[in-house]
């Protein structure tokens, strides 16, 4: 579908899914708070070199407390 005087609408695909309100499950099974997931995606988009392991080096391991307790996230 074309917008008036614009480019065709882009389609986006998502690899994960919403588990319940406020929880997101990624393609690899990691369960994470939806707000944290959104913030992470914004960081990745604004800084292509961003990595979660670099973030933990800068702000400390305390950031892991923000994640959902059932997460399978591994810091490399």
N, C-alpha and C. Protein backbone atom coordinates (compact mmCIF):
# COMPACT_ATOMS: atom_id res chain seq x y z
N UNK A 1 0.84 -1.17 0.00
CA UNK A 1 0.00 0.00 0.00
C UNK A 1 0.89 1.24 0.00
N UNK A 2 0.58 2.19 -0.86
CA UNK A 2 1.36 3.42 -0.92
C UNK A 2 0.68 4.51 -0.11
N UNK A 3 1.51 5.29 0.54
CA UNK A 3 1.01 6.46 1.23
C UNK A 3 0.84 7.57 0.21
N UNK A 4 0.03 8.53 0.48
CA UNK A 4 -0.19 9.63 -0.45
C UNK A 4 1.13 10.36 -0.67
N UNK A 5 1.63 10.28 -1.89
CA UNK A 5 2.87 10.95 -2.24
C UNK A 5 4.08 10.41 -1.52
N UNK A 6 4.01 9.20 -1.00
CA UNK A 6 5.11 8.66 -0.22
C UNK A 6 5.59 7.31 -0.73
N UNK A 7 6.40 6.70 0.07
CA UNK A 7 6.97 5.40 -0.25
C UNK A 7 6.05 4.29 0.25
N UNK A 8 6.23 3.08 -0.26
CA UNK A 8 5.43 1.97 0.24
C UNK A 8 5.66 1.75 1.74
N UNK A 9 4.64 1.29 2.41
CA UNK A 9 4.73 1.02 3.84
C UNK A 9 5.66 -0.17 4.07
N UNK A 10 6.57 -0.06 5.03
CA UNK A 10 7.48 -1.15 5.35
C UNK A 10 6.76 -2.17 6.22
N UNK A 11 7.10 -3.42 6.02
CA UNK A 11 6.58 -4.45 6.90
C UNK A 11 7.70 -4.89 7.83
N UNK A 12 7.36 -5.14 9.07
CA UNK A 12 8.34 -5.54 10.07
C UNK A 12 8.01 -6.94 10.55
N UNK A 13 9.05 -7.73 10.78
CA UNK A 13 8.82 -9.06 11.35
C UNK A 13 9.45 -9.09 12.74
N UNK A 14 8.80 -9.79 13.64
CA UNK A 14 9.28 -9.89 15.01
C UNK A 14 9.57 -11.35 15.31
N UNK A 15 10.70 -11.60 15.94
CA UNK A 15 11.10 -12.97 16.24
C UNK A 15 10.56 -13.46 17.56
N UNK A 16 10.23 -12.57 18.46
CA UNK A 16 9.72 -12.97 19.76
C UNK A 16 8.23 -12.74 19.84
N UNK A 17 7.71 -12.87 21.05
CA UNK A 17 6.28 -12.62 21.23
C UNK A 17 5.99 -12.17 22.65
N UNK A 18 4.86 -11.54 22.81
CA UNK A 18 4.40 -11.09 24.11
C UNK A 18 3.84 -12.29 24.85
N UNK A 19 4.35 -12.54 26.07
CA UNK A 19 3.88 -13.66 26.88
C UNK A 19 2.63 -13.24 27.64
N UNK A 20 2.73 -12.14 28.34
CA UNK A 20 1.60 -11.52 29.03
C UNK A 20 1.97 -10.07 29.23
N UNK A 21 1.08 -9.30 29.81
CA UNK A 21 1.32 -7.87 29.96
C UNK A 21 2.67 -7.62 30.64
N UNK A 22 3.54 -6.92 29.95
CA UNK A 22 4.83 -6.54 30.51
C UNK A 22 5.93 -7.56 30.31
N UNK A 23 5.64 -8.71 29.72
CA UNK A 23 6.68 -9.72 29.50
C UNK A 23 6.80 -10.05 28.03
N UNK A 24 8.03 -10.19 27.58
CA UNK A 24 8.35 -10.50 26.19
C UNK A 24 9.25 -11.72 26.19
N UNK A 25 8.99 -12.68 25.32
CA UNK A 25 9.86 -13.85 25.18
C UNK A 25 10.53 -13.77 23.83
N UNK A 26 11.86 -13.78 23.84
CA UNK A 26 12.62 -13.67 22.60
C UNK A 26 12.63 -15.00 21.86
N UNK A 27 13.21 -14.97 20.68
CA UNK A 27 13.26 -16.16 19.84
C UNK A 27 14.03 -17.29 20.52
N UNK A 28 15.05 -16.96 21.32
CA UNK A 28 15.84 -18.00 21.98
C UNK A 28 15.26 -18.42 23.33
N UNK A 29 14.08 -17.91 23.69
CA UNK A 29 13.42 -18.33 24.93
C UNK A 29 13.68 -17.44 26.12
N UNK A 30 14.47 -16.39 25.96
CA UNK A 30 14.75 -15.46 27.04
C UNK A 30 13.49 -14.67 27.37
N UNK A 31 13.10 -14.65 28.64
CA UNK A 31 11.95 -13.86 29.07
C UNK A 31 12.48 -12.57 29.68
N UNK A 32 11.97 -11.44 29.21
CA UNK A 32 12.49 -10.15 29.65
C UNK A 32 11.34 -9.16 29.78
N UNK A 33 11.51 -8.21 30.67
CA UNK A 33 10.51 -7.16 30.85
C UNK A 33 10.36 -6.41 29.53
N UNK A 34 9.13 -6.14 29.13
CA UNK A 34 8.87 -5.50 27.83
C UNK A 34 9.48 -4.10 27.75
N UNK A 35 9.48 -3.35 28.85
CA UNK A 35 10.07 -2.01 28.84
C UNK A 35 11.58 -2.09 28.66
N UNK A 36 12.22 -3.05 29.32
CA UNK A 36 13.66 -3.24 29.17
C UNK A 36 13.98 -3.65 27.74
N UNK A 37 13.16 -4.53 27.18
CA UNK A 37 13.35 -4.94 25.80
C UNK A 37 13.25 -3.76 24.85
N UNK A 38 12.27 -2.89 25.06
CA UNK A 38 12.11 -1.70 24.23
C UNK A 38 13.30 -0.77 24.34
N UNK A 39 13.77 -0.55 25.57
CA UNK A 39 14.94 0.31 25.78
C UNK A 39 16.17 -0.28 25.11
N UNK A 40 16.33 -1.59 25.21
CA UNK A 40 17.45 -2.27 24.57
C UNK A 40 17.41 -2.08 23.05
N UNK A 41 16.23 -2.21 22.46
CA UNK A 41 16.10 -2.02 21.02
C UNK A 41 16.41 -0.60 20.60
N UNK A 42 16.01 0.38 21.41
CA UNK A 42 16.33 1.78 21.11
C UNK A 42 17.84 1.99 21.18
N UNK A 43 18.50 1.43 22.20
CA UNK A 43 19.96 1.55 22.31
C UNK A 43 20.65 0.93 21.09
N UNK A 44 20.20 -0.24 20.68
CA UNK A 44 20.79 -0.90 19.52
C UNK A 44 20.61 -0.08 18.25
N UNK A 45 19.44 0.54 18.11
CA UNK A 45 19.17 1.33 16.91
C UNK A 45 19.99 2.62 16.90
N UNK A 46 20.16 3.24 18.06
CA UNK A 46 20.90 4.50 18.13
C UNK A 46 22.41 4.29 18.11
N UNK A 47 22.86 3.11 18.52
CA UNK A 47 24.29 2.81 18.55
C UNK A 47 24.50 1.38 18.06
N UNK A 48 24.79 1.19 16.77
CA UNK A 48 24.93 -0.16 16.22
C UNK A 48 26.01 -1.01 16.90
N UNK A 49 26.96 -0.38 17.58
CA UNK A 49 28.03 -1.13 18.25
C UNK A 49 27.66 -1.50 19.68
N UNK A 50 26.45 -1.18 20.10
CA UNK A 50 26.01 -1.45 21.47
C UNK A 50 25.97 -2.95 21.75
N UNK A 51 26.44 -3.33 22.93
CA UNK A 51 26.30 -4.72 23.37
C UNK A 51 25.94 -4.72 24.85
N UNK A 52 25.15 -5.71 25.25
CA UNK A 52 24.72 -5.79 26.64
C UNK A 52 25.89 -6.03 27.57
N UNK A 53 26.88 -6.81 27.12
CA UNK A 53 28.04 -7.08 27.97
C UNK A 53 28.84 -5.79 28.22
N UNK A 54 28.91 -4.90 27.23
CA UNK A 54 29.58 -3.61 27.43
C UNK A 54 28.81 -2.75 28.43
N UNK A 55 27.49 -2.81 28.37
CA UNK A 55 26.67 -2.05 29.31
C UNK A 55 26.91 -2.52 30.74
N UNK A 56 26.99 -3.83 30.95
CA UNK A 56 27.22 -4.32 32.31
C UNK A 56 28.61 -3.92 32.81
N UNK A 57 29.57 -3.81 31.91
CA UNK A 57 30.90 -3.35 32.32
C UNK A 57 30.86 -1.90 32.78
N UNK A 58 30.01 -1.09 32.13
CA UNK A 58 29.93 0.33 32.46
C UNK A 58 29.10 0.60 33.71
N UNK A 59 27.96 -0.06 33.84
CA UNK A 59 27.05 0.25 34.94
C UNK A 59 27.05 -0.80 36.05
N UNK A 60 27.69 -1.92 35.81
CA UNK A 60 27.78 -2.95 36.84
C UNK A 60 26.76 -4.05 36.67
N UNK A 61 26.98 -5.12 37.41
CA UNK A 61 26.12 -6.30 37.33
C UNK A 61 24.74 -6.04 37.91
N UNK A 62 24.55 -4.93 38.63
CA UNK A 62 23.26 -4.60 39.22
C UNK A 62 22.15 -4.47 38.19
N UNK A 63 22.54 -4.21 36.96
CA UNK A 63 21.52 -4.09 35.91
C UNK A 63 20.78 -5.40 35.69
N UNK A 64 21.41 -6.51 36.05
CA UNK A 64 20.77 -7.81 35.89
C UNK A 64 19.53 -7.93 36.76
N UNK A 65 19.46 -7.15 37.84
CA UNK A 65 18.28 -7.16 38.71
C UNK A 65 17.05 -6.59 38.00
N UNK A 66 17.25 -5.83 36.93
CA UNK A 66 16.13 -5.25 36.20
C UNK A 66 15.44 -6.28 35.33
N UNK A 67 16.15 -7.36 35.04
CA UNK A 67 15.59 -8.37 34.16
C UNK A 67 14.61 -9.25 34.91
N UNK A 68 13.74 -9.88 34.19
CA UNK A 68 12.78 -10.80 34.81
C UNK A 68 13.55 -11.97 35.43
N UNK A 69 13.15 -12.43 36.61
CA UNK A 69 13.92 -13.49 37.29
C UNK A 69 14.01 -14.80 36.53
N UNK A 70 13.13 -15.05 35.57
CA UNK A 70 13.17 -16.31 34.84
C UNK A 70 13.94 -16.20 33.54
N UNK A 71 14.71 -15.16 33.40
CA UNK A 71 15.45 -14.95 32.16
C UNK A 71 16.56 -15.98 32.00
N UNK A 72 16.85 -16.29 30.78
CA UNK A 72 17.95 -17.19 30.48
C UNK A 72 19.12 -16.42 29.91
N UNK A 73 19.18 -15.11 30.18
CA UNK A 73 20.21 -14.26 29.61
C UNK A 73 21.58 -14.64 30.13
N UNK A 74 22.52 -14.76 29.23
CA UNK A 74 23.89 -15.06 29.60
C UNK A 74 24.76 -13.92 29.13
N UNK A 75 25.60 -13.42 30.01
CA UNK A 75 26.52 -12.35 29.66
C UNK A 75 27.83 -12.97 29.21
N UNK A 76 28.25 -12.63 28.00
CA UNK A 76 29.49 -13.19 27.45
C UNK A 76 30.65 -12.29 27.76
